[in-house]
Amino acid sequence: VGLLVDRLSGRARRALETLCGVATLA
């Protein structure tokens, strides 16, 4: 679900993707 992620780009998108990835990994 990319409601927020799809609206971002660059560092902001990578930061949010990283946060989602860490939650998924946990």
mmCIF file of all heavy atoms, coordinates in Angstrom:
data_MODEL
# 
_entry.id   MODEL 
# 
loop_
_atom_site.group_PDB 
_atom_site.id 
_atom_site.type_symbol 
_atom_site.label_atom_id 
_atom_site.label_alt_id 
_atom_site.label_comp_id 
_atom_site.label_asym_id 
_atom_site.label_entity_id 
_atom_site.label_seq_id 
_atom_site.pdbx_PDB_ins_code 
_atom_site.Cartn_x 
_atom_site.Cartn_y 
_atom_site.Cartn_z 
_atom_site.occupancy 
_atom_site.B_iso_or_equiv 
_atom_site.pdbx_formal_charge 
_atom_site.auth_seq_id 
_atom_site.auth_comp_id 
_atom_site.auth_asym_id 
_atom_site.auth_atom_id 
_atom_site.pdbx_PDB_model_num 
ATOM 1   N N   . VAL A 1 1  ? 0.872  -1.166 0.000  1.00 0.00 ? 1  VAL A N   1 
ATOM 2   C CA  . VAL A 1 1  ? 0.000  0.000  0.000  1.00 0.00 ? 1  VAL A CA  1 
ATOM 3   C C   . VAL A 1 1  ? 0.910  1.217  0.000  1.00 0.00 ? 1  VAL A C   1 
ATOM 4   O O   . VAL A 1 1  ? 1.654  1.446  0.950  1.00 0.00 ? 1  VAL A O   1 
ATOM 5   C CB  . VAL A 1 1  ? -0.939 0.005  1.219  1.00 0.00 ? 1  VAL A CB  1 
ATOM 6   C CG1 . VAL A 1 1  ? -1.810 1.245  1.224  1.00 0.00 ? 1  VAL A CG1 1 
ATOM 7   C CG2 . VAL A 1 1  ? -1.786 -1.258 1.235  1.00 0.00 ? 1  VAL A CG2 1 
ATOM 8   N N   . GLY A 1 2  ? 0.851  1.987  -1.062 1.00 0.00 ? 2  GLY A N   1 
ATOM 9   C CA  . GLY A 1 2  ? 1.771  3.110  -1.205 1.00 0.00 ? 2  GLY A CA  1 
ATOM 10  C C   . GLY A 1 2  ? 1.105  4.464  -1.181 1.00 0.00 ? 2  GLY A C   1 
ATOM 11  O O   . GLY A 1 2  ? 1.535  5.374  -1.890 1.00 0.00 ? 2  GLY A O   1 
ATOM 12  N N   . LEU A 1 3  ? 0.056  4.611  -0.374 1.00 0.00 ? 3  LEU A N   1 
ATOM 13  C CA  . LEU A 1 3  ? -0.661 5.887  -0.352 1.00 0.00 ? 3  LEU A CA  1 
ATOM 14  C C   . LEU A 1 3  ? 0.254  7.066  -0.041 1.00 0.00 ? 3  LEU A C   1 
ATOM 15  O O   . LEU A 1 3  ? 0.172  8.110  -0.673 1.00 0.00 ? 3  LEU A O   1 
ATOM 16  C CB  . LEU A 1 3  ? -1.794 5.841  0.677  1.00 0.00 ? 3  LEU A CB  1 
ATOM 17  C CG  . LEU A 1 3  ? -2.918 4.849  0.391  1.00 0.00 ? 3  LEU A CG  1 
ATOM 18  C CD1 . LEU A 1 3  ? -3.870 4.779  1.561  1.00 0.00 ? 3  LEU A CD1 1 
ATOM 19  C CD2 . LEU A 1 3  ? -3.643 5.250  -0.871 1.00 0.00 ? 3  LEU A CD2 1 
ATOM 20  N N   . LEU A 1 4  ? 1.146  6.900  0.924  1.00 0.00 ? 4  LEU A N   1 
ATOM 21  C CA  . LEU A 1 4  ? 2.049  7.981  1.301  1.00 0.00 ? 4  LEU A CA  1 
ATOM 22  C C   . LEU A 1 4  ? 3.380  7.873  0.569  1.00 0.00 ? 4  LEU A C   1 
ATOM 23  O O   . LEU A 1 4  ? 3.886  8.860  0.050  1.00 0.00 ? 4  LEU A O   1 
ATOM 24  C CB  . LEU A 1 4  ? 2.278  7.962  2.822  1.00 0.00 ? 4  LEU A CB  1 
ATOM 25  C CG  . LEU A 1 4  ? 3.181  9.039  3.396  1.00 0.00 ? 4  LEU A CG  1 
ATOM 26  C CD1 . LEU A 1 4  ? 2.647  10.430 3.062  1.00 0.00 ? 4  LEU A CD1 1 
ATOM 27  C CD2 . LEU A 1 4  ? 3.308  8.883  4.889  1.00 0.00 ? 4  LEU A CD2 1 
ATOM 28  N N   . VAL A 1 5  ? 3.917  6.684  0.490  1.00 0.00 ? 5  VAL A N   1 
ATOM 29  C CA  . VAL A 1 5  ? 5.240  6.479  -0.112 1.00 0.00 ? 5  VAL A CA  1 
ATOM 30  C C   . VAL A 1 5  ? 5.266  6.916  -1.566 1.00 0.00 ? 5  VAL A C   1 
ATOM 31  O O   . VAL A 1 5  ? 6.241  7.524  -2.021 1.00 0.00 ? 5  VAL A O   1 
ATOM 32  C CB  . VAL A 1 5  ? 5.666  4.995  0.014  1.00 0.00 ? 5  VAL A CB  1 
ATOM 33  C CG1 . VAL A 1 5  ? 6.946  4.732  -0.737 1.00 0.00 ? 5  VAL A CG1 1 
ATOM 34  C CG2 . VAL A 1 5  ? 5.818  4.617  1.472  1.00 0.00 ? 5  VAL A CG2 1 
ATOM 35  N N   . ASP A 1 6  ? 4.197  6.651  -2.301 1.00 0.00 ? 6  ASP A N   1 
ATOM 36  C CA  . ASP A 1 6  ? 4.163  6.995  -3.729 1.00 0.00 ? 6  ASP A CA  1 
ATOM 37  C C   . ASP A 1 6  ? 4.173  8.503  -3.971 1.00 0.00 ? 6  ASP A C   1 
ATOM 38  O O   . ASP A 1 6  ? 4.519  8.958  -5.050 1.00 0.00 ? 6  ASP A O   1 
ATOM 39  C CB  . ASP A 1 6  ? 2.936  6.377  -4.399 1.00 0.00 ? 6  ASP A CB  1 
ATOM 40  C CG  . ASP A 1 6  ? 3.039  4.875  -4.511 1.00 0.00 ? 6  ASP A CG  1 
ATOM 41  O OD1 . ASP A 1 6  ? 4.163  4.337  -4.344 1.00 0.00 ? 6  ASP A OD1 1 
ATOM 42  O OD2 . ASP A 1 6  ? 2.003  4.224  -4.756 1.00 0.00 ? 6  ASP A OD2 1 
ATOM 43  N N   . ARG A 1 7  ? 3.812  9.281  -2.978 1.00 0.00 ? 7  ARG A N   1 
ATOM 44  C CA  . ARG A 1 7  ? 3.798  10.733 -3.132 1.00 0.00 ? 7  ARG A CA  1 
ATOM 45  C C   . ARG A 1 7  ? 5.149  11.369 -2.805 1.00 0.00 ? 7  ARG A C   1 
ATOM 46  O O   . ARG A 1 7  ? 5.340  12.556 -3.004 1.00 0.00 ? 7  ARG A O   1 
ATOM 47  C CB  . ARG A 1 7  ? 2.721  11.334 -2.238 1.00 0.00 ? 7  ARG A CB  1 
ATOM 48  C CG  . ARG A 1 7  ? 1.306  10.981 -2.699 1.00 0.00 ? 7  ARG A CG  1 
ATOM 49  C CD  . ARG A 1 7  ? 0.289  11.549 -1.755 1.00 0.00 ? 7  ARG A CD  1 
ATOM 50  N NE  . ARG A 1 7  ? -1.106 11.321 -1.899 1.00 0.00 ? 7  ARG A NE  1 
ATOM 51  C CZ  . ARG A 1 7  ? -1.782 10.492 -2.654 1.00 0.00 ? 7  ARG A CZ  1 
ATOM 52  N NH1 . ARG A 1 7  ? -1.169 9.723  -3.461 1.00 0.00 ? 7  ARG A NH1 1 
ATOM 53  N NH2 . ARG A 1 7  ? -3.083 10.392 -2.643 1.00 0.00 ? 7  ARG A NH2 1 
ATOM 54  N N   . LEU A 1 8  ? 6.061  10.571 -2.275 1.00 0.00 ? 8  LEU A N   1 
ATOM 55  C CA  . LEU A 1 8  ? 7.378  11.081 -1.881 1.00 0.00 ? 8  LEU A CA  1 
ATOM 56  C C   . LEU A 1 8  ? 8.432  10.681 -2.901 1.00 0.00 ? 8  LEU A C   1 
ATOM 57  O O   . LEU A 1 8  ? 8.231  9.774  -3.702 1.00 0.00 ? 8  LEU A O   1 
ATOM 58  C CB  . LEU A 1 8  ? 7.764  10.530 -0.505 1.00 0.00 ? 8  LEU A CB  1 
ATOM 59  C CG  . LEU A 1 8  ? 6.849  10.875 0.655  1.00 0.00 ? 8  LEU A CG  1 
ATOM 60  C CD1 . LEU A 1 8  ? 7.276  10.123 1.905  1.00 0.00 ? 8  LEU A CD1 1 
ATOM 61  C CD2 . LEU A 1 8  ? 6.830  12.367 0.903  1.00 0.00 ? 8  LEU A CD2 1 
ATOM 62  N N   . SER A 1 9  ? 9.575  11.368 -2.840 1.00 0.00 ? 9  SER A N   1 
ATOM 63  C CA  . SER A 1 9  ? 10.700 11.000 -3.699 1.00 0.00 ? 9  SER A CA  1 
ATOM 64  C C   . SER A 1 9  ? 11.993 11.337 -2.968 1.00 0.00 ? 9  SER A C   1 
ATOM 65  O O   . SER A 1 9  ? 11.993 11.995 -1.929 1.00 0.00 ? 9  SER A O   1 
ATOM 66  C CB  . SER A 1 9  ? 10.626 11.748 -5.041 1.00 0.00 ? 9  SER A CB  1 
ATOM 67  O OG  . SER A 1 9  ? 10.713 13.138 -4.823 1.00 0.00 ? 9  SER A OG  1 
ATOM 68  N N   . GLY A 1 10 ? 13.091 10.861 -3.511 1.00 0.00 ? 10 GLY A N   1 
ATOM 69  C CA  . GLY A 1 10 ? 14.403 11.173 -2.959 1.00 0.00 ? 10 GLY A CA  1 
ATOM 70  C C   . GLY A 1 10 ? 14.607 10.648 -1.556 1.00 0.00 ? 10 GLY A C   1 
ATOM 71  O O   . GLY A 1 10 ? 14.186 9.546  -1.217 1.00 0.00 ? 10 GLY A O   1 
ATOM 72  N N   . ARG A 1 11 ? 15.263 11.483 -0.745 1.00 0.00 ? 11 ARG A N   1 
ATOM 73  C CA  . ARG A 1 11 ? 15.608 11.077 0.628  1.00 0.00 ? 11 ARG A CA  1 
ATOM 74  C C   . ARG A 1 11 ? 14.385 10.822 1.499  1.00 0.00 ? 11 ARG A C   1 
ATOM 75  O O   . ARG A 1 11 ? 14.380 9.935  2.338  1.00 0.00 ? 11 ARG A O   1 
ATOM 76  C CB  . ARG A 1 11 ? 16.486 12.123 1.288  1.00 0.00 ? 11 ARG A CB  1 
ATOM 77  C CG  . ARG A 1 11 ? 17.893 12.110 0.779  1.00 0.00 ? 11 ARG A CG  1 
ATOM 78  C CD  . ARG A 1 11 ? 18.716 13.142 1.508  1.00 0.00 ? 11 ARG A CD  1 
ATOM 79  N NE  . ARG A 1 11 ? 20.048 13.158 0.940  1.00 0.00 ? 11 ARG A NE  1 
ATOM 80  C CZ  . ARG A 1 11 ? 21.137 13.268 1.657  1.00 0.00 ? 11 ARG A CZ  1 
ATOM 81  N NH1 . ARG A 1 11 ? 21.055 13.380 2.960  1.00 0.00 ? 11 ARG A NH1 1 
ATOM 82  N NH2 . ARG A 1 11 ? 22.303 13.279 1.075  1.00 0.00 ? 11 ARG A NH2 1 
ATOM 83  N N   . ALA A 1 12 ? 13.342 11.633 1.315  1.00 0.00 ? 12 ALA A N   1 
ATOM 84  C CA  . ALA A 1 12 ? 12.135 11.453 2.132  1.00 0.00 ? 12 ALA A CA  1 
ATOM 85  C C   . ALA A 1 12 ? 11.509 10.081 1.867  1.00 0.00 ? 12 ALA A C   1 
ATOM 86  O O   . ALA A 1 12 ? 11.124 9.376  2.809  1.00 0.00 ? 12 ALA A O   1 
ATOM 87  C CB  . ALA A 1 12 ? 11.122 12.553 1.828  1.00 0.00 ? 12 ALA A CB  1 
ATOM 88  N N   . ARG A 1 13 ? 11.463 9.704  0.593  1.00 0.00 ? 13 ARG A N   1 
ATOM 89  C CA  . ARG A 1 13 ? 10.902 8.392  0.269  1.00 0.00 ? 13 ARG A CA  1 
ATOM 90  C C   . ARG A 1 13 ? 11.786 7.281  0.827  1.00 0.00 ? 13 ARG A C   1 
ATOM 91  O O   . ARG A 1 13 ? 11.291 6.320  1.404  1.00 0.00 ? 13 ARG A O   1 
ATOM 92  C CB  . ARG A 1 13 ? 10.750 8.232  -1.240 1.00 0.00 ? 13 ARG A CB  1 
ATOM 93  C CG  . ARG A 1 13 ? 10.180 6.865  -1.594 1.00 0.00 ? 13 ARG A CG  1 
ATOM 94  C CD  . ARG A 1 13 ? 9.998  6.670  -3.072 1.00 0.00 ? 13 ARG A CD  1 
ATOM 95  N NE  . ARG A 1 13 ? 9.473  5.339  -3.317 1.00 0.00 ? 13 ARG A NE  1 
ATOM 96  C CZ  . ARG A 1 13 ? 8.509  5.066  -4.167 1.00 0.00 ? 13 ARG A CZ  1 
ATOM 97  N NH1 . ARG A 1 13 ? 7.960  6.033  -4.868 1.00 0.00 ? 13 ARG A NH1 1 
ATOM 98  N NH2 . ARG A 1 13 ? 8.115  3.829  -4.339 1.00 0.00 ? 13 ARG A NH2 1 
ATOM 99  N N   . ARG A 1 14 ? 13.103 7.403  0.654  1.00 0.00 ? 14 ARG A N   1 
ATOM 100 C CA  . ARG A 1 14 ? 14.008 6.375  1.158  1.00 0.00 ? 14 ARG A CA  1 
ATOM 101 C C   . ARG A 1 14 ? 13.920 6.266  2.671  1.00 0.00 ? 14 ARG A C   1 
ATOM 102 O O   . ARG A 1 14 ? 14.000 5.165  3.226  1.00 0.00 ? 14 ARG A O   1 
ATOM 103 C CB  . ARG A 1 14 ? 15.445 6.642  0.702  1.00 0.00 ? 14 ARG A CB  1 
ATOM 104 C CG  . ARG A 1 14 ? 15.653 6.310  -0.762 1.00 0.00 ? 14 ARG A CG  1 
ATOM 105 C CD  . ARG A 1 14 ? 17.097 6.154  -1.173 1.00 0.00 ? 14 ARG A CD  1 
ATOM 106 N NE  . ARG A 1 14 ? 18.097 6.736  -0.334 1.00 0.00 ? 14 ARG A NE  1 
ATOM 107 C CZ  . ARG A 1 14 ? 18.761 7.859  -0.581 1.00 0.00 ? 14 ARG A CZ  1 
ATOM 108 N NH1 . ARG A 1 14 ? 18.516 8.538  -1.683 1.00 0.00 ? 14 ARG A NH1 1 
ATOM 109 N NH2 . ARG A 1 14 ? 19.678 8.292  0.248  1.00 0.00 ? 14 ARG A NH2 1 
ATOM 110 N N   . ALA A 1 15 ? 13.750 7.403  3.363  1.00 0.00 ? 15 ALA A N   1 
ATOM 111 C CA  . ALA A 1 15 ? 13.640 7.380  4.828  1.00 0.00 ? 15 ALA A CA  1 
ATOM 112 C C   . ALA A 1 15 ? 12.372 6.644  5.256  1.00 0.00 ? 15 ALA A C   1 
ATOM 113 O O   . ALA A 1 15 ? 12.404 5.800  6.165  1.00 0.00 ? 15 ALA A O   1 
ATOM 114 C CB  . ALA A 1 15 ? 13.643 8.803  5.381  1.00 0.00 ? 15 ALA A CB  1 
ATOM 115 N N   . LEU A 1 16 ? 11.251 6.948  4.596  1.00 0.00 ? 16 LEU A N   1 
ATOM 116 C CA  . LEU A 1 16 ? 9.997  6.266  4.936  1.00 0.00 ? 16 LEU A CA  1 
ATOM 117 C C   . LEU A 1 16 ? 10.074 4.786  4.567  1.00 0.00 ? 16 LEU A C   1 
ATOM 118 O O   . LEU A 1 16 ? 9.616  3.924  5.328  1.00 0.00 ? 16 LEU A O   1 
ATOM 119 C CB  . LEU A 1 16 ? 8.811  6.926  4.229  1.00 0.00 ? 16 LEU A CB  1 
ATOM 120 C CG  . LEU A 1 16 ? 7.439  6.357  4.587  1.00 0.00 ? 16 LEU A CG  1 
ATOM 121 C CD1 . LEU A 1 16 ? 7.183  6.439  6.095  1.00 0.00 ? 16 LEU A CD1 1 
ATOM 122 C CD2 . LEU A 1 16 ? 6.351  7.088  3.820  1.00 0.00 ? 16 LEU A CD2 1 
ATOM 123 N N   . GLU A 1 17 ? 10.668 4.477  3.413  1.00 0.00 ? 17 GLU A N   1 
ATOM 124 C CA  . GLU A 1 17 ? 10.845 3.080  3.005  1.00 0.00 ? 17 GLU A CA  1 
ATOM 125 C C   . GLU A 1 17 ? 11.710 2.339  4.023  1.00 0.00 ? 17 GLU A C   1 
ATOM 126 O O   . GLU A 1 17 ? 11.446 1.183  4.349  1.00 0.00 ? 17 GLU A O   1 
ATOM 127 C CB  . GLU A 1 17 ? 11.488 2.999  1.612  1.00 0.00 ? 17 GLU A CB  1 
ATOM 128 C CG  . GLU A 1 17 ? 10.622 3.504  0.494  1.00 0.00 ? 17 GLU A CG  1 
ATOM 129 C CD  . GLU A 1 17 ? 9.644  2.486  -0.050 1.00 0.00 ? 17 GLU A CD  1 
ATOM 130 O OE1 . GLU A 1 17 ? 9.404  1.458  0.617  1.00 0.00 ? 17 GLU A OE1 1 
ATOM 131 O OE2 . GLU A 1 17 ? 9.098  2.724  -1.126 1.00 0.00 ? 17 GLU A OE2 1 
ATOM 132 N N   . THR A 1 18 ? 12.753 3.010  4.526  1.00 0.00 ? 18 THR A N   1 
ATOM 133 C CA  . THR A 1 18 ? 13.620 2.393  5.534  1.00 0.00 ? 18 THR A CA  1 
ATOM 134 C C   . THR A 1 18 ? 12.840 2.104  6.807  1.00 0.00 ? 18 THR A C   1 
ATOM 135 O O   . THR A 1 18 ? 12.953 1.012  7.384  1.00 0.00 ? 18 THR A O   1 
ATOM 136 C CB  . THR A 1 18 ? 14.822 3.303  5.846  1.00 0.00 ? 18 THR A CB  1 
ATOM 137 O OG1 . THR A 1 18 ? 15.554 3.516  4.630  1.00 0.00 ? 18 THR A OG1 1 
ATOM 138 C CG2 . THR A 1 18 ? 15.725 2.700  6.890  1.00 0.00 ? 18 THR A CG2 1 
ATOM 139 N N   . LEU A 1 19 ? 12.044 3.046  7.238  1.00 0.00 ? 19 LEU A N   1 
ATOM 140 C CA  . LEU A 1 19 ? 11.222 2.858  8.433  1.00 0.00 ? 19 LEU A CA  1 
ATOM 141 C C   . LEU A 1 19 ? 10.258 1.690  8.246  1.00 0.00 ? 19 LEU A C   1 
ATOM 142 O O   . LEU A 1 19 ? 10.133 0.825  9.130  1.00 0.00 ? 19 LEU A O   1 
ATOM 143 C CB  . LEU A 1 19 ? 10.450 4.143  8.751  1.00 0.00 ? 19 LEU A CB  1 
ATOM 144 C CG  . LEU A 1 19 ? 9.581  4.116  9.997  1.00 0.00 ? 19 LEU A CG  1 
ATOM 145 C CD1 . LEU A 1 19 ? 10.440 3.962  11.243 1.00 0.00 ? 19 LEU A CD1 1 
ATOM 146 C CD2 . LEU A 1 19 ? 8.755  5.392  10.074 1.00 0.00 ? 19 LEU A CD2 1 
ATOM 147 N N   . CYS A 1 20 ? 9.606  1.612  7.099  1.00 0.00 ? 20 CYS A N   1 
ATOM 148 C CA  . CYS A 1 20 ? 8.698  0.495  6.813  1.00 0.00 ? 20 CYS A CA  1 
ATOM 149 C C   . CYS A 1 20 ? 9.465  -0.821 6.756  1.00 0.00 ? 20 CYS A C   1 
ATOM 150 O O   . CYS A 1 20 ? 8.985  -1.849 7.246  1.00 0.00 ? 20 CYS A O   1 
ATOM 151 C CB  . CYS A 1 20 ? 7.972  0.733  5.492  1.00 0.00 ? 20 CYS A CB  1 
ATOM 152 S SG  . CYS A 1 20 ? 6.800  2.097  5.536  1.00 0.00 ? 20 CYS A SG  1 
ATOM 153 N N   . GLY A 1 21 ? 10.650 -0.784 6.181  1.00 0.00 ? 21 GLY A N   1 
ATOM 154 C CA  . GLY A 1 21 ? 11.476 -1.982 6.102  1.00 0.00 ? 21 GLY A CA  1 
ATOM 155 C C   . GLY A 1 21 ? 11.896 -2.476 7.470  1.00 0.00 ? 21 GLY A C   1 
ATOM 156 O O   . GLY A 1 21 ? 11.890 -3.690 7.739  1.00 0.00 ? 21 GLY A O   1 
ATOM 157 N N   . VAL A 1 22 ? 12.257 -1.556 8.362  1.00 0.00 ? 22 VAL A N   1 
ATOM 158 C CA  . VAL A 1 22 ? 12.659 -1.940 9.721  1.00 0.00 ? 22 VAL A CA  1 
ATOM 159 C C   . VAL A 1 22 ? 11.474 -2.571 10.460 1.00 0.00 ? 22 VAL A C   1 
ATOM 160 O O   . VAL A 1 22 ? 11.634 -3.577 11.156 1.00 0.00 ? 22 VAL A O   1 
ATOM 161 C CB  . VAL A 1 22 ? 13.239 -0.726 10.487 1.00 0.00 ? 22 VAL A CB  1 
ATOM 162 C CG1 . VAL A 1 22 ? 13.390 -1.024 11.963 1.00 0.00 ? 22 VAL A CG1 1 
ATOM 163 C CG2 . VAL A 1 22 ? 14.570 -0.309 9.878  1.00 0.00 ? 22 VAL A CG2 1 
ATOM 164 N N   . ALA A 1 23 ? 10.286 -1.996 10.284 1.00 0.00 ? 23 ALA A N   1 
ATOM 165 C CA  . ALA A 1 23 ? 9.092  -2.574 10.921 1.00 0.00 ? 23 ALA A CA  1 
ATOM 166 C C   . ALA A 1 23 ? 8.809  -3.966 10.365 1.00 0.00 ? 23 ALA A C   1 
ATOM 167 O O   . ALA A 1 23 ? 8.516  -4.906 11.123 1.00 0.00 ? 23 ALA A O   1 
ATOM 168 C CB  . ALA A 1 23 ? 7.888  -1.657 10.701 1.00 0.00 ? 23 ALA A CB  1 
ATOM 169 N N   . THR A 1 24 ? 8.928  -4.120 9.054  1.00 0.00 ? 24 THR A N   1 
ATOM 170 C CA  . THR A 1 24 ? 8.726  -5.427 8.422  1.00 0.00 ? 24 THR A CA  1 
ATOM 171 C C   . THR A 1 24 ? 9.743  -6.433 8.926  1.00 0.00 ? 24 THR A C   1 
ATOM 172 O O   . THR A 1 24 ? 9.407  -7.579 9.246  1.00 0.00 ? 24 THR A O   1 
ATOM 173 C CB  . THR A 1 24 ? 8.816  -5.303 6.890  1.00 0.00 ? 24 THR A CB  1 
ATOM 174 O OG1 . THR A 1 24 ? 7.821  -4.381 6.443  1.00 0.00 ? 24 THR A OG1 1 
ATOM 175 C CG2 . THR A 1 24 ? 8.626  -6.641 6.205  1.00 0.00 ? 24 THR A CG2 1 
ATOM 176 N N   . LEU A 1 25 ? 10.999 -6.007 8.998  1.00 0.00 ? 25 LEU A N   1 
ATOM 177 C CA  . LEU A 1 25 ? 12.067 -6.889 9.474  1.00 0.00 ? 25 LEU A CA  1 
ATOM 178 C C   . LEU A 1 25 ? 11.816 -7.325 10.914 1.00 0.00 ? 25 LEU A C   1 
ATOM 179 O O   . LEU A 1 25 ? 12.006 -8.498 11.254 1.00 0.00 ? 25 LEU A O   1 
ATOM 180 C CB  . LEU A 1 25 ? 13.420 -6.190 9.351  1.00 0.00 ? 25 LEU A CB  1 
ATOM 181 C CG  . LEU A 1 25 ? 14.637 -6.987 9.782  1.00 0.00 ? 25 LEU A CG  1 
ATOM 182 C CD1 . LEU A 1 25 ? 14.790 -8.235 8.929  1.00 0.00 ? 25 LEU A CD1 1 
ATOM 183 C CD2 . LEU A 1 25 ? 15.886 -6.122 9.681  1.00 0.00 ? 25 LEU A CD2 1 
ATOM 184 N N   . ALA A 1 26 ? 11.373 -6.399 11.748 1.00 0.00 ? 26 ALA A N   1 
ATOM 185 C CA  . ALA A 1 26 ? 11.108 -6.733 13.151 1.00 0.00 ? 26 ALA A CA  1 
ATOM 186 C C   . ALA A 1 26 ? 10.018 -7.802 13.263 1.00 0.00 ? 26 ALA A C   1 
ATOM 187 O O   . ALA A 1 26 ? 10.165 -8.773 14.004 1.00 0.00 ? 26 ALA A O   1 
ATOM 188 C CB  . ALA A 1 26 ? 10.710 -5.475 13.924 1.00 0.00 ? 26 ALA A CB  1 
# 
